[in-house]
Amino acid sequence: MRILIFSFFLSICFNLSAQPKKGAAPKGKVTFLYDKFDFGNISELGGSVRHEFKFINTGTAPVKINEVKTSCGCTSTNWTISEVAVGDTGSVFAVFEPEGRQGPFEKTLSILSTGSPELVDITIRGVVYASKLKQNEQYKYMYGSLAVPANLIELNQVKYNGYDSLELAFFNMGNKRIYFYKIESPPNIQVIKSYDNVLPNSEYKLKVRYFPKKPIEFGPVRQEIKVYTNDDTMPVKIFTITANIIEDFSNLDKKALKEAPKVFIKNNTLDFGNIELFASPSGVFEIKNKGKQDLVIRRVIKNCTCLAPDLSTKVIKKGETAFLKVSWNYVNMAGPDTKTIKLITNDPTQPEIILTLKANVIE
């Protein structure tokens, strides 16, 4: 009962105070829900920070903000420009630019309105600290608000029956917490996040395990990881992972090595000499197996779409020969040129072989 009486008393007092005095014109009144805001610690290089101050018109007439003055050029503002009716709300936004202003700060925004009183002050404060990134040369590339060492990760050699580990590193250059909502990766790539966000001016690392994809594709492969965040400037971060998948010959003993397949190519170079522009010369590489087991050409990799390799067979029996015919559709500029083809084999002594094509184009 005492609480009800007290609430009723407060209601009467508020209504009486809201009533205009006899002879006084009705006036609006800008009443902020709070008139101070602390940004806390913010990064000097993290960009501007912004806060919305909301107010209620607690007066007896509509109120309009005519002007907002700031105490420093480092602070900008905008506000509700239309009249705010009695009981309705409006906003004043404070924007602070921290670059070049290390240390604590406190700035005032003075609101001039048609209300009573005509002048009301609000305050923002915080501490600007130097970004750790200034002392760390690891993070060289901006990926939205996050800095990264690179968005291309190269794995040199990954055994077809093993895996490799790596980390995707980030540095939050912004002044808000960045959340990692979702990560998309191929089935052969495991991405582990120990937590789902990174604070301003802080590091974050995703642990990645890379397994060769099935079916096995020997040689260079290329895949992507997509990281979805709440970063305003670039919400989706795409990372490309390249790897060179190799066969594991480490368990072969001397006897197995003697019985292994053995590649023999009499001439690793095709020289077409002088050819005309737009010509399509072709030639043949002979690939012989001088070993005791089947020689398998696992993959034929060309370094130009202008090459058209055609292998007679991928499995070459003991003592037999396969033929690799290569056509070169030449549409480049005049002058000397060189192209290559890489063979991936199961020969433990020559798992990779480079074949070269040469030509001198004349007009």
Protein backbone atom coordinates (compact mmCIF):
# COMPACT_ATOMS: atom_id res chain seq x y z
CA MET A 1 0.00 0.00 0.00
CA ARG A 2 2.87 2.41 0.83
CA ILE A 3 4.41 1.74 -2.60
CA LEU A 4 1.15 2.52 -4.37
CA ILE A 5 0.73 5.78 -2.43
CA PHE A 6 4.32 6.81 -3.18
CA SER A 7 3.91 6.05 -6.93
CA PHE A 8 0.66 8.04 -6.99
CA PHE A 9 2.46 10.95 -5.25
CA LEU A 10 5.27 10.90 -7.85
CA SER A 11 2.72 10.84 -10.68
CA ILE A 12 0.95 13.91 -9.24
CA CYS A 13 4.28 15.75 -8.80
CA PHE A 14 5.29 15.01 -12.39
CA ASN A 15 1.95 16.15 -13.78
CA LEU A 16 2.09 19.35 -11.71
CA SER A 17 5.64 20.12 -12.85
CA ALA A 18 4.63 19.48 -16.47
CA GLN A 19 1.81 21.99 -16.28
CA PRO A 20 2.77 25.46 -17.54
CA LYS A 21 2.60 28.26 -15.02
CA LYS A 22 -0.11 30.83 -15.42
CA GLY A 23 0.97 33.38 -18.01
CA ALA A 24 3.89 31.22 -19.30
CA ALA A 25 3.93 29.90 -22.88
CA PRO A 26 4.09 26.10 -23.30
CA LYS A 27 7.64 24.87 -23.81
CA GLY A 28 9.19 21.61 -24.84
CA LYS A 29 12.00 20.04 -22.81
CA VAL A 30 14.89 17.87 -24.05
CA THR A 31 15.46 15.19 -21.41
CA PHE A 32 18.21 12.65 -22.15
CA LEU A 33 17.94 9.13 -20.78
CA TYR A 34 21.60 9.63 -19.79
CA ASP A 35 23.95 12.51 -20.58
CA LYS A 36 27.35 10.74 -20.40
CA PHE A 37 28.82 7.82 -22.33
CA ASP A 38 32.20 6.09 -21.90
CA PHE A 39 33.64 4.34 -24.98
CA GLY A 40 36.28 2.68 -22.82
CA ASN A 41 39.53 1.72 -24.57
CA ILE A 42 39.53 2.30 -28.33
CA SER A 43 42.23 1.76 -30.93
CA GLU A 44 43.88 4.77 -32.53
CA LEU A 45 43.85 3.11 -35.96
CA GLY A 46 40.45 1.43 -35.64
CA GLY A 47 38.39 4.17 -37.23
CA SER A 48 35.77 6.48 -35.76
CA VAL A 49 33.44 5.40 -32.94
CA ARG A 50 29.79 6.40 -32.76
CA HIS A 51 27.13 6.57 -30.07
CA GLU A 52 23.45 7.51 -30.08
CA PHE A 53 22.07 9.61 -27.22
CA LYS A 54 18.28 9.32 -27.02
CA PHE A 55 16.07 11.98 -25.49
CA ILE A 56 12.38 12.40 -24.62
CA ASN A 57 10.37 15.59 -24.91
CA THR A 58 9.09 15.90 -21.33
CA GLY A 59 7.80 19.45 -21.86
CA THR A 60 4.35 20.78 -22.69
CA ALA A 61 4.93 21.70 -26.37
CA PRO A 62 6.83 20.30 -29.36
CA VAL A 63 10.59 20.80 -29.21
CA LYS A 64 13.14 21.22 -32.00
CA ILE A 65 16.93 21.01 -31.86
CA ASN A 66 18.37 24.02 -33.67
CA GLU A 67 22.10 23.31 -33.34
CA VAL A 68 24.63 20.99 -31.70
CA LYS A 69 28.07 22.44 -30.94
CA THR A 70 31.09 20.21 -30.27
CA SER A 71 34.08 21.11 -28.13
CA CYS A 72 36.60 19.65 -30.58
CA GLY A 73 37.06 19.19 -34.31
CA CYS A 74 37.67 15.49 -33.56
CA THR A 75 33.97 15.13 -32.74
CA SER A 76 31.17 15.37 -35.28
CA THR A 77 27.44 15.01 -34.86
CA ASN A 78 24.00 14.79 -36.40
CA TRP A 79 20.55 14.82 -34.80
CA THR A 80 16.81 14.56 -35.25
CA ILE A 81 16.03 17.65 -37.32
CA SER A 82 12.23 17.49 -37.20
CA GLU A 83 10.11 18.68 -34.28
CA VAL A 84 9.61 16.13 -31.51
CA ALA A 85 6.10 16.04 -30.06
CA VAL A 86 5.40 15.89 -26.33
CA GLY A 87 6.24 12.38 -25.08
CA ASP A 88 8.05 11.39 -28.27
CA THR A 89 11.77 10.62 -28.63
CA GLY A 90 14.64 11.95 -30.71
CA SER A 91 18.37 11.33 -31.03
CA VAL A 92 21.72 13.09 -31.03
CA PHE A 93 24.66 11.13 -32.49
CA ALA A 94 28.22 11.68 -31.33
CA VAL A 95 31.07 10.53 -33.60
CA PHE A 96 34.67 10.62 -32.36
CA GLU A 97 37.76 10.20 -34.58
CA PRO A 98 40.66 8.74 -32.52
CA GLU A 99 43.54 8.83 -35.01
CA GLY A 100 46.43 10.93 -33.70
CA ARG A 101 44.77 11.43 -30.28
CA GLN A 102 46.34 8.89 -27.94
CA GLY A 103 45.42 9.07 -24.27
CA PRO A 104 42.25 9.82 -22.31
CA PHE A 105 39.66 12.18 -23.79
CA GLU A 106 36.44 13.88 -22.69
CA LYS A 107 34.40 15.89 -25.18
CA THR A 108 31.22 17.91 -24.73
CA LEU A 109 28.31 18.35 -27.12
CA SER A 110 26.10 21.36 -26.43
CA ILE A 111 22.49 21.01 -27.61
CA LEU A 112 20.60 24.23 -28.39
CA SER A 113 16.84 23.75 -28.72
CA THR A 114 13.52 25.58 -28.59
CA GLY A 115 12.86 23.96 -25.24
CA SER A 116 13.45 25.01 -21.68
CA PRO A 117 16.26 25.09 -20.83
CA GLU A 118 17.54 26.08 -24.25
CA LEU A 119 21.02 24.60 -23.64
CA VAL A 120 21.75 21.03 -22.54
CA ASP A 121 25.20 19.39 -22.47
CA ILE A 122 26.10 15.73 -23.07
CA THR A 123 29.56 14.19 -22.72
CA ILE A 124 31.59 11.40 -24.31
CA ARG A 125 34.81 10.06 -22.89
CA GLY A 126 37.26 7.20 -23.33
CA VAL A 127 40.93 6.30 -23.76
CA VAL A 128 42.73 6.09 -27.13
CA TYR A 129 45.62 3.65 -27.17
CA ALA A 130 48.20 2.93 -29.86
CA SER A 131 47.49 -0.07 -32.05
CA LYS A 132 49.68 -3.09 -31.39
CA LEU A 133 49.84 -3.49 -35.15
CA LYS A 134 52.43 -0.71 -35.30
CA GLN A 135 54.88 -3.08 -33.62
CA ASN A 136 53.88 -6.15 -35.62
CA GLU A 137 54.89 -6.46 -39.26
CA GLN A 138 53.19 -9.85 -39.60
CA TYR A 139 49.82 -8.34 -40.57
CA LYS A 140 50.41 -6.54 -43.86
CA TYR A 141 47.06 -6.72 -45.64
CA MET A 142 43.70 -5.22 -44.71
CA TYR A 143 40.74 -7.55 -45.10
CA GLY A 144 37.98 -5.16 -44.07
CA SER A 145 38.51 -4.26 -40.40
CA LEU A 146 40.72 -7.30 -39.96
CA ALA A 147 44.38 -7.34 -40.95
CA VAL A 148 45.86 -10.62 -42.17
CA PRO A 149 49.35 -11.80 -43.16
CA ALA A 150 47.93 -12.94 -46.53
CA ASN A 151 44.78 -14.38 -48.06
CA LEU A 152 46.76 -16.98 -50.03
CA ILE A 153 48.25 -19.87 -48.04
CA GLU A 154 50.76 -22.09 -49.83
CA LEU A 155 51.54 -25.60 -48.58
CA ASN A 156 54.70 -26.89 -50.23
CA GLN A 157 54.39 -30.68 -50.10
CA VAL A 158 51.60 -32.72 -48.54
CA LYS A 159 51.86 -36.51 -48.62
CA TYR A 160 48.79 -38.10 -50.19
CA ASN A 161 48.31 -40.26 -47.07
CA GLY A 162 49.05 -37.53 -44.53
CA TYR A 163 48.00 -33.98 -43.66
CA ASP A 164 49.42 -30.55 -42.91
CA SER A 165 48.54 -28.02 -40.21
CA LEU A 166 48.36 -24.27 -40.49
CA GLU A 167 46.76 -21.20 -38.91
CA LEU A 168 44.66 -18.40 -40.34
CA ALA A 169 45.69 -15.32 -38.37
CA PHE A 170 43.71 -12.09 -37.96
CA PHE A 171 44.27 -8.78 -36.18
CA ASN A 172 41.20 -6.69 -35.33
CA MET A 173 42.02 -3.14 -36.40
CA GLY A 174 38.50 -1.90 -35.76
CA ASN A 175 36.86 -0.51 -32.66
CA LYS A 176 34.18 -3.15 -32.33
CA ARG A 177 34.21 -6.83 -31.51
CA ILE A 178 34.27 -9.00 -34.65
CA TYR A 179 32.25 -12.21 -34.54
CA PHE A 180 32.91 -15.28 -36.67
CA TYR A 181 29.42 -16.53 -37.50
CA LYS A 182 30.09 -19.35 -39.97
CA ILE A 183 33.01 -21.04 -41.71
CA GLU A 184 32.63 -22.86 -45.02
CA SER A 185 35.37 -25.26 -46.08
CA PRO A 186 35.66 -28.38 -48.30
CA PRO A 187 35.24 -31.76 -46.52
CA ASN A 188 39.00 -32.38 -46.57
CA ILE A 189 39.80 -29.16 -44.71
CA GLN A 190 39.07 -29.00 -40.97
CA VAL A 191 38.78 -25.52 -39.43
CA ILE A 192 38.76 -25.28 -35.65
CA LYS A 193 37.83 -22.07 -33.79
CA SER A 194 38.56 -21.95 -30.07
CA TYR A 195 36.16 -19.00 -29.63
CA ASP A 196 33.84 -17.06 -31.91
CA ASN A 197 35.01 -13.46 -31.66
CA VAL A 198 38.03 -11.17 -31.51
CA LEU A 199 38.27 -7.99 -29.44
CA PRO A 200 39.51 -4.66 -30.86
CA ASN A 201 43.30 -4.41 -31.11
CA SER A 202 43.63 -8.15 -30.60
CA GLU A 203 44.79 -11.24 -32.47
CA TYR A 204 42.71 -14.24 -33.45
CA LYS A 205 43.80 -17.53 -35.00
CA LEU A 206 41.84 -20.30 -36.66
CA LYS A 207 43.51 -23.71 -36.59
CA VAL A 208 43.34 -25.57 -39.89
CA ARG A 209 44.12 -29.18 -40.79
CA TYR A 210 44.53 -29.87 -44.49
CA PHE A 211 44.03 -33.42 -45.80
CA PRO A 212 44.40 -34.25 -49.51
CA LYS A 213 40.95 -34.43 -51.05
CA LYS A 214 39.52 -37.71 -52.29
CA PRO A 215 39.96 -39.06 -54.89
CA ILE A 216 43.62 -38.14 -54.66
CA GLU A 217 44.80 -35.58 -57.18
CA PHE A 218 48.58 -35.49 -57.30
CA GLY A 219 50.42 -32.25 -57.94
CA PRO A 220 49.21 -28.70 -57.30
CA VAL A 221 45.62 -28.23 -56.08
CA ARG A 222 43.68 -25.11 -55.12
CA GLN A 223 40.75 -24.76 -52.66
CA GLU A 224 38.93 -22.04 -50.70
CA ILE A 225 37.81 -21.31 -47.14
CA LYS A 226 35.08 -18.72 -46.52
CA VAL A 227 34.79 -17.00 -43.13
CA TYR A 228 31.53 -15.14 -42.41
CA THR A 229 31.77 -12.24 -39.92
CA ASN A 230 29.91 -9.13 -38.74
CA ASP A 231 32.61 -6.90 -40.26
CA ASP A 232 30.75 -3.98 -41.86
CA THR A 233 33.32 -3.32 -44.59
CA MET A 234 33.89 -6.92 -45.72
CA PRO A 235 31.71 -9.51 -43.98
CA VAL A 236 32.97 -12.54 -45.97
CA LYS A 237 36.69 -13.31 -45.92
CA ILE A 238 37.89 -15.72 -48.62
CA PHE A 239 41.18 -17.58 -48.16
CA THR A 240 42.78 -19.65 -50.92
CA ILE A 241 44.86 -22.69 -49.97
CA THR A 242 47.22 -24.25 -52.49
CA ALA A 243 49.05 -27.51 -51.89
CA ASN A 244 51.36 -29.83 -53.79
CA ILE A 245 50.17 -33.40 -53.20
CA ILE A 246 52.99 -35.92 -53.41
CA GLU A 247 53.34 -39.69 -53.19
CA ASP A 248 55.01 -41.16 -50.12
CA PHE A 249 58.04 -43.25 -51.08
CA SER A 250 59.66 -43.14 -47.65
CA ASN A 251 58.70 -46.71 -46.78
CA LEU A 252 60.42 -48.28 -49.81
CA ASP A 253 63.52 -50.36 -49.02
CA LYS A 254 66.42 -51.03 -51.41
CA LYS A 255 64.73 -54.07 -52.93
CA ALA A 256 61.48 -52.16 -53.58
CA LEU A 257 63.41 -49.31 -55.15
CA LYS A 258 65.18 -51.72 -57.54
CA GLU A 259 61.84 -53.16 -58.62
CA ALA A 260 60.10 -49.79 -58.94
CA PRO A 261 59.06 -48.28 -62.27
CA LYS A 262 61.60 -46.05 -63.98
CA VAL A 263 60.87 -43.22 -66.42
CA PHE A 264 63.08 -42.77 -69.46
CA ILE A 265 62.51 -39.87 -71.89
CA LYS A 266 65.19 -39.56 -74.56
CA ASN A 267 64.44 -35.92 -75.28
CA ASN A 268 62.66 -33.66 -72.76
CA THR A 269 62.49 -30.75 -75.20
CA LEU A 270 60.52 -30.12 -78.38
CA ASP A 271 61.96 -27.23 -80.40
CA PHE A 272 59.67 -26.19 -83.25
CA GLY A 273 62.13 -23.61 -84.53
CA ASN A 274 60.61 -20.76 -86.56
CA ILE A 275 56.81 -20.80 -86.81
CA GLU A 276 54.27 -18.28 -88.07
CA LEU A 277 51.84 -16.42 -85.87
CA PHE A 278 48.57 -18.36 -85.36
CA ALA A 279 50.32 -21.59 -86.31
CA SER A 280 49.52 -24.86 -84.51
CA PRO A 281 52.69 -26.99 -84.43
CA SER A 282 52.61 -30.39 -82.74
CA GLY A 283 55.13 -32.94 -81.59
CA VAL A 284 55.47 -36.16 -79.62
CA PHE A 285 57.34 -37.08 -76.42
CA GLU A 286 58.20 -40.78 -76.02
CA ILE A 287 57.91 -42.03 -72.43
CA LYS A 288 59.46 -45.47 -71.79
CA ASN A 289 59.26 -47.60 -68.65
CA LYS A 290 62.69 -49.12 -67.90
CA GLY A 291 61.61 -50.37 -64.47
CA LYS A 292 60.19 -53.70 -63.32
CA GLN A 293 56.70 -52.54 -62.30
CA ASP A 294 53.97 -50.58 -64.07
CA LEU A 295 54.77 -46.92 -64.60
CA VAL A 296 51.74 -44.73 -63.88
CA ILE A 297 51.46 -41.20 -65.22
CA ARG A 298 49.36 -39.78 -62.38
CA ARG A 299 48.79 -36.37 -63.93
CA VAL A 300 49.72 -34.21 -66.92
CA ILE A 301 49.86 -30.49 -66.02
CA LYS A 302 50.23 -27.79 -68.68
CA ASN A 303 51.28 -24.22 -67.88
CA CYS A 304 49.19 -22.68 -70.68
CA THR A 305 45.71 -23.23 -72.09
CA CYS A 306 47.32 -22.95 -75.53
CA LEU A 307 48.75 -26.46 -75.08
CA ALA A 308 46.69 -29.58 -75.87
CA PRO A 309 48.48 -32.71 -74.52
CA ASP A 310 47.15 -36.16 -75.48
CA LEU A 311 48.64 -39.18 -73.66
CA SER A 312 48.25 -42.60 -75.35
CA THR A 313 48.04 -44.44 -71.99
CA LYS A 314 48.45 -43.61 -68.31
CA VAL A 315 49.75 -47.06 -67.35
CA ILE A 316 52.98 -48.12 -69.08
CA LYS A 317 54.01 -51.74 -68.69
CA LYS A 318 57.60 -52.90 -68.16
CA GLY A 319 59.68 -52.19 -71.24
CA GLU A 320 56.84 -50.47 -73.11
CA THR A 321 56.53 -46.90 -74.40
CA ALA A 322 53.70 -44.35 -74.25
CA PHE A 323 53.37 -41.35 -76.53
CA LEU A 324 52.48 -37.85 -75.40
CA LYS A 325 51.36 -35.78 -78.38
CA VAL A 326 51.26 -32.03 -77.75
CA SER A 327 49.65 -29.40 -79.99
CA TRP A 328 50.54 -25.76 -79.50
CA ASN A 329 47.91 -23.26 -80.67
CA TYR A 330 50.05 -20.17 -80.96
CA VAL A 331 48.31 -16.77 -80.84
CA ASN A 332 50.90 -14.81 -78.88
CA MET A 333 53.20 -12.01 -79.96
CA ALA A 334 56.13 -12.58 -82.28
CA GLY A 335 59.47 -13.64 -80.85
CA PRO A 336 60.93 -16.57 -78.88
CA ASP A 337 58.62 -18.38 -76.47
CA THR A 338 58.75 -21.35 -74.09
CA LYS A 339 56.01 -23.47 -72.51
CA THR A 340 56.20 -26.45 -70.16
CA ILE A 341 54.32 -29.62 -69.25
CA LYS A 342 54.78 -31.36 -65.90
CA LEU A 343 54.34 -35.12 -65.53
CA ILE A 344 53.49 -36.58 -62.11
CA THR A 345 54.62 -40.24 -61.98
CA ASN A 346 54.98 -43.15 -59.54
CA ASP A 347 58.72 -43.37 -60.23
CA PRO A 348 60.26 -42.79 -56.76
CA THR A 349 63.39 -41.29 -58.31
CA GLN A 350 61.52 -39.02 -60.74
CA PRO A 351 58.07 -38.23 -59.31
CA GLU A 352 57.98 -34.95 -61.28
CA ILE A 353 59.32 -34.46 -64.81
CA ILE A 354 59.33 -31.18 -66.76
CA LEU A 355 58.90 -31.27 -70.53
CA THR A 356 59.74 -28.12 -72.50
CA LEU A 357 58.35 -26.75 -75.77
CA LYS A 358 60.16 -23.95 -77.65
CA ALA A 359 59.35 -21.88 -80.70
CA ASN A 360 60.42 -18.67 -82.38
CA VAL A 361 57.37 -16.92 -83.82
CA ILE A 362 57.88 -14.85 -86.94
CA GLU A 363 55.46 -12.44 -88.58
